Amino acid sequence: MRDCLDIDHAYEILGLKAGVSQIEIKRAYRQLVKIWHPDRFTNPQQKQQAEVKIKQINAAYNLLKSEYPPATQPKTVSVGQQKKSKVSAHRWDAETFYNYGLESVAQGEYQQAIAYFTQAIRLNPHYVAAYKSRGLVCSQLGYEYRATSDLNKAAQLEGKIPKSASFSRIKYKSQPRNLITKLCQNIKKFLKLY
């Protein structure tokens, strides 16, 4: 193993080309960890080789992760045959995390999307769209109570229901599911606009 790990070698260890997204780096890292985790090997010699390999993988991943945090990854614009790096403004606000959440949903990474929406809500507790999106994802995953809570909060923030009332406190006779279903459909329509 090299004493000083450079960026190119880090990409090589993870089997990636330079300039890939953080999501692709994370995906490659996870796949390699599954393959080279030392606990998978019983032979002492193979286990030792796996320990060396996993150290390389971890070092490469940590370097690439620290080099380009998710919101500051440079985008390249091709001009003729040359590629120039475009300097991006570093923004760690609720909208940034919300947009990462939408990207994760589009890629089918629902748990990661929930984490991004949660971070957006932490930064801005009145972010209605983040509550709606997280509620929709939770509903898709079958987390109905969490989805109801998020959609309820979004409705409260929009002023559609008073703060003293909530879906969980109101006694319904036969239609709570219909209301939630309509709300989910409205959110789906809203998300398709963007």
Protein backbone atom coordinates (compact mmCIF):
# COMPACT_ATOMS: atom_id res chain seq x y z
CA MET A 1 0.00 0.00 0.00
CA ARG A 2 1.25 3.47 -0.79
CA ASP A 3 2.16 5.75 2.08
CA CYS A 4 0.56 8.79 0.46
CA LEU A 5 -2.71 8.08 -1.31
CA ASP A 6 -3.52 10.42 -4.19
CA ILE A 7 -6.90 11.04 -5.78
CA ASP A 8 -6.21 9.05 -8.94
CA HIS A 9 -5.10 6.02 -6.95
CA ALA A 10 -8.19 6.33 -4.72
CA TYR A 11 -10.45 6.21 -7.79
CA GLU A 12 -8.45 3.23 -9.06
CA ILE A 13 -8.89 1.33 -5.77
CA LEU A 14 -12.66 1.83 -5.91
CA GLY A 15 -12.72 0.95 -9.62
CA LEU A 16 -14.11 4.32 -10.67
CA LYS A 17 -13.28 7.06 -13.15
CA ALA A 18 -12.44 10.55 -11.92
CA GLY A 19 -15.36 12.94 -11.54
CA VAL A 20 -18.12 10.48 -10.62
CA SER A 21 -20.84 11.57 -8.20
CA GLN A 22 -20.82 10.99 -4.44
CA ILE A 23 -23.65 8.50 -4.86
CA GLU A 24 -21.58 6.40 -7.27
CA ILE A 25 -18.56 6.58 -4.94
CA LYS A 26 -20.69 5.40 -2.03
CA ARG A 27 -22.23 2.59 -4.10
CA ALA A 28 -18.81 1.32 -5.23
CA TYR A 29 -17.49 1.52 -1.67
CA ARG A 30 -20.39 -0.51 -0.28
CA GLN A 31 -20.00 -3.19 -2.95
CA LEU A 32 -16.28 -3.54 -2.28
CA VAL A 33 -16.81 -3.70 1.49
CA LYS A 34 -19.28 -6.54 1.00
CA ILE A 35 -16.72 -8.43 -1.08
CA TRP A 36 -13.60 -7.76 1.01
CA HIS A 37 -14.91 -7.69 4.57
CA PRO A 38 -12.45 -9.79 6.64
CA ASP A 39 -15.26 -11.63 8.45
CA ARG A 40 -16.18 -13.35 5.19
CA PHE A 41 -12.89 -15.28 5.14
CA THR A 42 -11.95 -18.25 7.35
CA ASN A 43 -8.48 -18.92 6.00
CA PRO A 44 -6.00 -16.81 8.06
CA GLN A 45 -3.96 -15.85 5.00
CA GLN A 46 -7.05 -14.75 3.04
CA LYS A 47 -8.35 -12.91 6.10
CA GLN A 48 -5.07 -10.99 6.38
CA GLN A 49 -5.20 -10.08 2.67
CA ALA A 50 -8.79 -8.91 3.12
CA GLU A 51 -7.77 -6.72 6.08
CA VAL A 52 -5.11 -5.02 3.95
CA LYS A 53 -7.56 -4.58 1.08
CA ILE A 54 -10.33 -3.18 3.32
CA LYS A 55 -7.86 -0.63 4.76
CA GLN A 56 -7.07 0.52 1.21
CA ILE A 57 -10.76 0.71 0.35
CA ASN A 58 -11.55 2.71 3.50
CA ALA A 59 -8.64 5.09 2.92
CA ALA A 60 -9.69 5.66 -0.71
CA TYR A 61 -13.32 6.22 0.23
CA ASN A 62 -12.46 8.64 3.04
CA LEU A 63 -10.18 10.61 0.73
CA LEU A 64 -12.79 10.89 -2.01
CA LYS A 65 -15.55 11.66 0.47
CA SER A 66 -13.53 14.47 2.06
CA GLU A 67 -12.31 15.78 -1.29
CA TYR A 68 -15.80 16.36 -2.69
CA PRO A 69 -18.60 16.65 -0.11
CA PRO A 70 -22.03 16.07 -1.73
CA ALA A 71 -22.97 19.74 -2.17
CA THR A 72 -19.56 20.91 -3.39
CA GLN A 73 -18.80 18.36 -6.06
CA PRO A 74 -17.55 20.29 -9.10
CA LYS A 75 -19.51 19.98 -12.31
CA THR A 76 -17.67 19.89 -15.59
CA VAL A 77 -18.69 21.71 -18.72
CA SER A 78 -17.21 20.57 -22.01
CA VAL A 79 -15.87 23.32 -24.21
CA GLY A 80 -14.67 21.91 -27.49
CA GLN A 81 -12.34 19.08 -26.54
CA GLN A 82 -11.25 20.57 -23.21
CA LYS A 83 -13.11 20.18 -19.96
CA LYS A 84 -13.07 22.98 -17.44
CA SER A 85 -14.12 22.71 -13.85
CA LYS A 86 -16.97 24.90 -12.81
CA VAL A 87 -16.67 26.36 -9.35
CA SER A 88 -19.84 25.78 -7.39
CA ALA A 89 -21.12 27.80 -4.48
CA HIS A 90 -21.15 25.81 -1.27
CA ARG A 91 -24.68 25.82 0.13
CA TRP A 92 -25.73 23.67 3.03
CA ASP A 93 -29.30 24.82 3.37
CA ALA A 94 -32.64 23.02 3.59
CA GLU A 95 -33.28 23.36 -0.13
CA THR A 96 -29.99 21.62 -0.98
CA PHE A 97 -30.84 18.62 1.16
CA TYR A 98 -34.39 18.59 -0.21
CA ASN A 99 -33.02 18.43 -3.77
CA TYR A 100 -30.66 15.60 -2.79
CA GLY A 101 -33.70 13.82 -1.39
CA LEU A 102 -35.53 14.16 -4.69
CA GLU A 103 -32.48 12.81 -6.54
CA SER A 104 -32.32 9.84 -4.19
CA VAL A 105 -36.01 9.10 -4.77
CA ALA A 106 -35.43 9.20 -8.52
CA GLN A 107 -32.62 6.65 -8.11
CA GLY A 108 -34.71 4.41 -5.86
CA GLU A 109 -32.62 5.04 -2.73
CA TYR A 110 -35.56 5.65 -0.41
CA GLN A 111 -33.78 5.36 2.95
CA GLN A 112 -31.19 7.90 1.81
CA ALA A 113 -34.01 10.15 0.57
CA ILE A 114 -35.68 10.02 3.99
CA ALA A 115 -32.37 11.01 5.60
CA TYR A 116 -31.99 13.99 3.23
CA PHE A 117 -35.58 15.15 3.78
CA THR A 118 -35.07 14.82 7.54
CA GLN A 119 -31.96 17.00 7.34
CA ALA A 120 -33.89 19.59 5.32
CA ILE A 121 -36.58 19.62 8.00
CA ARG A 122 -33.97 20.00 10.76
CA LEU A 123 -32.57 23.05 9.00
CA ASN A 124 -36.01 24.50 8.26
CA PRO A 125 -38.79 23.11 10.49
CA HIS A 126 -41.40 24.91 8.34
CA TYR A 127 -40.38 23.30 5.02
CA VAL A 128 -43.76 21.99 3.83
CA ALA A 129 -42.47 20.32 0.66
CA ALA A 130 -39.89 18.32 2.67
CA TYR A 131 -42.60 17.04 5.02
CA LYS A 132 -44.79 16.07 2.06
CA SER A 133 -41.98 14.32 0.23
CA ARG A 134 -40.80 12.43 3.31
CA GLY A 135 -44.40 11.46 4.03
CA LEU A 136 -44.83 10.15 0.49
CA VAL A 137 -41.63 8.10 0.64
CA CYS A 138 -42.59 6.72 4.05
CA SER A 139 -45.99 5.78 2.67
CA GLN A 140 -44.36 3.98 -0.26
CA LEU A 141 -42.19 2.02 2.18
CA GLY A 142 -45.18 1.10 4.32
CA TYR A 143 -44.37 3.39 7.25
CA GLU A 144 -47.97 4.57 7.50
CA TYR A 145 -47.79 6.16 10.96
CA ARG A 146 -44.71 8.15 10.04
CA ALA A 147 -46.25 9.11 6.70
CA THR A 148 -49.44 10.26 8.43
CA SER A 149 -47.43 12.31 10.89
CA ASP A 150 -45.46 14.05 8.14
CA LEU A 151 -48.50 14.72 5.97
CA ASN A 152 -50.38 15.97 9.04
CA LYS A 153 -47.53 18.38 9.84
CA ALA A 154 -47.46 19.62 6.23
CA ALA A 155 -51.20 20.26 6.33
CA GLN A 156 -50.80 22.14 9.63
CA LEU A 157 -48.04 24.30 8.20
CA GLU A 158 -50.16 25.11 5.15
CA GLY A 159 -53.01 26.08 7.45
CA LYS A 160 -55.36 23.46 6.04
CA ILE A 161 -56.07 22.04 9.49
CA PRO A 162 -55.80 23.75 12.87
CA LYS A 163 -52.85 22.86 15.11
CA SER A 164 -55.20 21.53 17.76
CA ALA A 165 -56.56 18.89 15.36
CA SER A 166 -54.59 16.16 13.71
CA PHE A 167 -55.33 13.06 11.70
CA SER A 168 -54.39 10.80 14.57
CA ARG A 169 -56.60 12.58 17.11
CA ILE A 170 -59.74 12.88 15.01
CA LYS A 171 -62.16 9.98 15.38
CA TYR A 172 -63.06 8.70 11.92
CA LYS A 173 -65.83 6.27 11.28
CA SER A 174 -64.86 4.93 7.86
CA GLN A 175 -62.85 7.41 5.82
CA PRO A 176 -59.36 8.02 7.29
CA ARG A 177 -57.74 5.95 4.55
CA ASN A 178 -59.49 7.93 1.78
CA LEU A 179 -58.21 11.24 3.13
CA ILE A 180 -54.64 9.95 3.34
CA THR A 181 -54.92 8.42 -0.12
CA LYS A 182 -56.11 11.74 -1.59
CA LEU A 183 -53.33 13.60 0.16
CA CYS A 184 -50.73 11.15 -1.19
CA GLN A 185 -52.15 11.54 -4.71
CA ASN A 186 -51.94 15.33 -4.43
CA ILE A 187 -48.34 15.08 -3.29
CA LYS A 188 -47.52 12.77 -6.21
CA LYS A 189 -49.03 15.30 -8.60
CA PHE A 190 -47.07 18.09 -6.91
CA LEU A 191 -43.78 16.20 -7.17
CA LYS A 192 -44.32 15.41 -10.85
CA LEU A 193 -44.43 19.16 -11.55
CA TYR A 194 -40.76 19.47 -10.58
